[in-house]
């Protein structure tokens, strides 16, 4: 049974076995996909590299006060 997959770039059906460009149908589609990654057209959700290393900020409670009832000036 010959397994075929869709090229992620052009959506054409292409064989999986014996295809040196898999999962793409051609080197053109493979390079087009790499160009999309390089130009940041694709994005992976999550924190940016700039946010790494920062400490997470505490979320406010449902009534808008900081957690544990503390106020910004340190009073309870």
N, C-alpha and C. Protein backbone atom coordinates (compact mmCIF):
# COMPACT_ATOMS: atom_id res chain seq x y z
N UNK A 1 0.85 -1.18 0.00
CA UNK A 1 0.00 0.00 0.00
C UNK A 1 0.90 1.25 0.00
N UNK A 2 0.69 2.13 -0.94
CA UNK A 2 1.47 3.35 -1.05
C UNK A 2 0.81 4.44 -0.22
N UNK A 3 1.52 4.90 0.80
CA UNK A 3 0.97 5.93 1.68
C UNK A 3 1.28 7.30 1.10
N UNK A 4 0.26 8.12 0.99
CA UNK A 4 0.45 9.49 0.50
C UNK A 4 0.05 10.47 1.59
N UNK A 5 0.72 11.61 1.58
CA UNK A 5 0.43 12.68 2.54
C UNK A 5 0.25 13.98 1.76
N UNK A 6 -0.33 14.97 2.40
CA UNK A 6 -0.48 16.29 1.78
C UNK A 6 0.74 17.14 2.11
N UNK A 7 1.27 17.81 1.10
CA UNK A 7 2.39 18.73 1.31
C UNK A 7 1.89 19.88 2.19
N UNK A 8 2.58 20.21 3.28
CA UNK A 8 2.13 21.28 4.16
C UNK A 8 2.13 22.66 3.50
N UNK A 9 2.89 22.83 2.43
CA UNK A 9 2.99 24.13 1.77
C UNK A 9 1.93 24.31 0.69
N UNK A 10 1.89 23.38 -0.28
CA UNK A 10 0.98 23.55 -1.42
C UNK A 10 -0.25 22.66 -1.35
N UNK A 11 -0.30 21.73 -0.40
CA UNK A 11 -1.43 20.83 -0.16
C UNK A 11 -1.60 19.75 -1.23
N UNK A 12 -0.63 19.59 -2.15
CA UNK A 12 -0.68 18.50 -3.14
C UNK A 12 -0.41 17.17 -2.46
N UNK A 13 -1.01 16.12 -2.98
CA UNK A 13 -0.76 14.78 -2.48
C UNK A 13 0.61 14.32 -2.96
N UNK A 14 1.39 13.75 -2.06
CA UNK A 14 2.75 13.32 -2.40
C UNK A 14 3.06 12.01 -1.68
N UNK A 15 3.82 11.11 -2.30
CA UNK A 15 4.14 9.84 -1.64
C UNK A 15 5.08 10.05 -0.45
N UNK A 16 4.86 9.24 0.58
CA UNK A 16 5.72 9.31 1.77
C UNK A 16 7.00 8.50 1.55
N UNK A 17 6.85 7.29 1.05
CA UNK A 17 7.99 6.41 0.85
C UNK A 17 8.74 6.82 -0.42
N UNK A 18 10.04 6.95 -0.29
CA UNK A 18 10.88 7.28 -1.42
C UNK A 18 10.92 8.76 -1.77
N UNK A 19 10.30 9.59 -0.98
CA UNK A 19 10.29 11.04 -1.23
C UNK A 19 11.40 11.69 -0.41
N UNK A 20 12.45 12.20 -1.05
CA UNK A 20 13.56 12.79 -0.30
C UNK A 20 13.21 14.13 0.35
N UNK A 21 12.06 14.70 0.01
CA UNK A 21 11.67 16.01 0.54
C UNK A 21 10.56 15.91 1.58
N UNK A 22 10.19 14.70 1.96
CA UNK A 22 9.02 14.55 2.83
C UNK A 22 9.15 15.35 4.10
N UNK A 23 8.10 15.91 4.62
CA UNK A 23 6.71 15.76 4.19
C UNK A 23 6.31 16.67 3.02
N UNK A 24 7.26 17.39 2.47
CA UNK A 24 6.97 18.30 1.35
C UNK A 24 7.01 17.54 0.05
N UNK A 25 6.43 18.11 -1.00
CA UNK A 25 6.41 17.45 -2.30
C UNK A 25 7.67 17.75 -3.10
N UNK A 26 8.36 18.84 -2.79
CA UNK A 26 9.53 19.23 -3.58
C UNK A 26 10.46 20.09 -2.72
N UNK A 27 11.65 20.31 -3.24
CA UNK A 27 12.58 21.18 -2.51
C UNK A 27 12.07 22.62 -2.49
N UNK A 28 11.33 23.01 -3.53
CA UNK A 28 10.76 24.36 -3.58
C UNK A 28 9.82 24.60 -2.39
N UNK A 29 8.93 23.65 -2.13
CA UNK A 29 8.00 23.78 -1.00
C UNK A 29 8.74 23.71 0.33
N UNK A 30 9.77 22.90 0.39
CA UNK A 30 10.58 22.77 1.61
C UNK A 30 11.25 24.11 1.94
N UNK A 31 11.85 24.77 0.92
CA UNK A 31 12.52 26.05 1.13
C UNK A 31 11.51 27.17 1.41
N UNK A 32 10.33 27.09 0.80
CA UNK A 32 9.29 28.10 1.06
C UNK A 32 8.87 28.04 2.53
N UNK A 33 8.74 26.82 3.06
CA UNK A 33 8.37 26.66 4.47
C UNK A 33 9.46 27.20 5.38
N UNK A 34 10.72 26.91 5.06
CA UNK A 34 11.83 27.43 5.87
C UNK A 34 11.84 28.96 5.84
N UNK A 35 11.57 29.54 4.68
CA UNK A 35 11.50 31.00 4.58
C UNK A 35 10.40 31.59 5.43
N UNK A 36 9.26 30.88 5.52
CA UNK A 36 8.16 31.37 6.38
C UNK A 36 8.57 31.36 7.86
N UNK A 37 9.32 30.33 8.28
CA UNK A 37 9.82 30.29 9.66
C UNK A 37 10.82 31.42 9.89
N UNK A 38 11.73 31.60 8.93
CA UNK A 38 12.78 32.61 9.09
C UNK A 38 12.22 34.03 9.12
N UNK A 39 11.14 34.26 8.40
CA UNK A 39 10.54 35.60 8.39
C UNK A 39 9.49 35.77 9.48
N UNK A 40 9.39 34.78 10.38
CA UNK A 40 8.49 34.78 11.54
C UNK A 40 7.01 34.85 11.15
N UNK A 41 6.65 34.23 10.01
CA UNK A 41 5.24 34.13 9.65
C UNK A 41 4.55 33.08 10.52
N UNK A 42 5.33 32.10 10.98
CA UNK A 42 4.82 31.08 11.90
C UNK A 42 5.25 31.48 13.30
N UNK A 43 4.38 31.24 14.25
CA UNK A 43 4.71 31.55 15.65
C UNK A 43 4.23 30.41 16.54
N UNK A 44 5.01 30.11 17.53
CA UNK A 44 4.65 29.10 18.51
C UNK A 44 4.16 29.85 19.74
N UNK A 45 2.93 29.55 20.22
CA UNK A 45 2.42 30.29 21.38
C UNK A 45 3.24 30.02 22.63
N UNK A 46 3.34 31.02 23.47
CA UNK A 46 4.07 30.91 24.72
C UNK A 46 4.79 32.20 25.03
N UNK A 47 5.52 32.19 26.11
CA UNK A 47 6.26 33.38 26.52
C UNK A 47 7.40 33.63 25.55
N UNK A 48 7.68 34.89 25.30
CA UNK A 48 8.78 35.22 24.40
C UNK A 48 10.11 35.01 25.13
N UNK A 49 11.18 34.95 24.38
CA UNK A 49 12.51 34.77 24.97
C UNK A 49 12.86 35.94 25.88
N UNK A 50 12.31 37.12 25.58
CA UNK A 50 12.57 38.29 26.42
C UNK A 50 11.95 38.15 27.80
N UNK A 51 10.83 37.40 27.88
CA UNK A 51 10.15 37.22 29.16
C UNK A 51 10.81 36.15 30.03
N UNK A 52 11.64 35.29 29.44
CA UNK A 52 12.30 34.25 30.23
C UNK A 52 13.24 34.90 31.23
N UNK A 53 13.25 34.38 32.42
CA UNK A 53 14.12 34.92 33.45
C UNK A 53 13.42 35.93 34.34
N UNK A 54 12.34 36.52 33.86
CA UNK A 54 11.58 37.45 34.70
C UNK A 54 10.71 36.65 35.66
N UNK A 55 10.49 37.21 36.81
CA UNK A 55 9.61 36.56 37.76
C UNK A 55 8.17 36.87 37.39
N UNK A 56 7.28 35.88 37.48
CA UNK A 56 5.89 36.15 37.15
C UNK A 56 5.27 37.14 38.12
N UNK A 57 4.43 38.01 37.61
CA UNK A 57 3.75 38.99 38.45
C UNK A 57 2.54 38.34 39.10
N UNK A 58 2.27 38.72 40.34
CA UNK A 58 1.13 38.15 41.05
C UNK A 58 -0.16 38.70 40.45
N UNK A 59 -1.12 37.82 40.29
CA UNK A 59 -2.41 38.23 39.73
C UNK A 59 -3.26 38.89 40.81
N UNK A 60 -4.04 39.86 40.42
CA UNK A 60 -4.95 40.49 41.35
C UNK A 60 -6.11 39.54 41.65
N UNK A 61 -6.68 39.72 42.82
CA UNK A 61 -7.83 38.93 43.20
C UNK A 61 -9.08 39.38 42.46
N UNK A 62 -10.21 38.71 42.68
CA UNK A 62 -11.44 39.03 41.95
C UNK A 62 -11.95 40.44 42.23
N UNK A 63 -11.61 41.02 43.40
CA UNK A 63 -12.08 42.37 43.70
C UNK A 63 -11.05 43.44 43.33
N UNK A 64 -9.97 43.02 42.62
CA UNK A 64 -8.97 43.99 42.17
C UNK A 64 -7.84 44.21 43.15
N UNK A 65 -7.90 43.61 44.34
CA UNK A 65 -6.82 43.77 45.30
C UNK A 65 -5.76 42.72 45.05
N UNK A 66 -4.52 43.00 45.40
CA UNK A 66 -3.48 41.99 45.25
C UNK A 66 -3.78 40.76 46.11
N UNK A 67 -3.18 39.62 45.81
CA UNK A 67 -3.45 38.41 46.59
C UNK A 67 -3.11 38.59 48.06
N UNK A 68 -3.75 37.84 48.89
CA UNK A 68 -3.56 37.82 50.34
C UNK A 68 -4.02 39.12 51.00
N UNK A 69 -4.76 39.94 50.28
CA UNK A 69 -5.30 41.16 50.87
C UNK A 69 -4.30 42.27 51.07
N UNK A 70 -3.05 42.10 50.65
CA UNK A 70 -2.06 43.16 50.80
C UNK A 70 -2.33 44.27 49.79
N UNK A 71 -2.12 45.48 50.19
CA UNK A 71 -2.27 46.62 49.32
C UNK A 71 -0.89 47.02 48.80
N UNK A 72 -0.83 47.81 47.72
CA UNK A 72 0.48 48.19 47.18
C UNK A 72 1.38 48.91 48.17
N UNK A 73 0.81 49.60 49.17
CA UNK A 73 1.65 50.31 50.13
C UNK A 73 2.01 49.45 51.33
N UNK A 74 1.70 48.12 51.29
CA UNK A 74 2.11 47.19 52.34
C UNK A 74 1.10 47.02 53.45
N UNK A 75 -0.01 47.79 53.43
CA UNK A 75 -1.01 47.62 54.48
C UNK A 75 -1.91 46.44 54.14
N UNK A 76 -2.55 45.90 55.18
CA UNK A 76 -3.53 44.83 54.97
C UNK A 76 -4.92 45.39 55.02
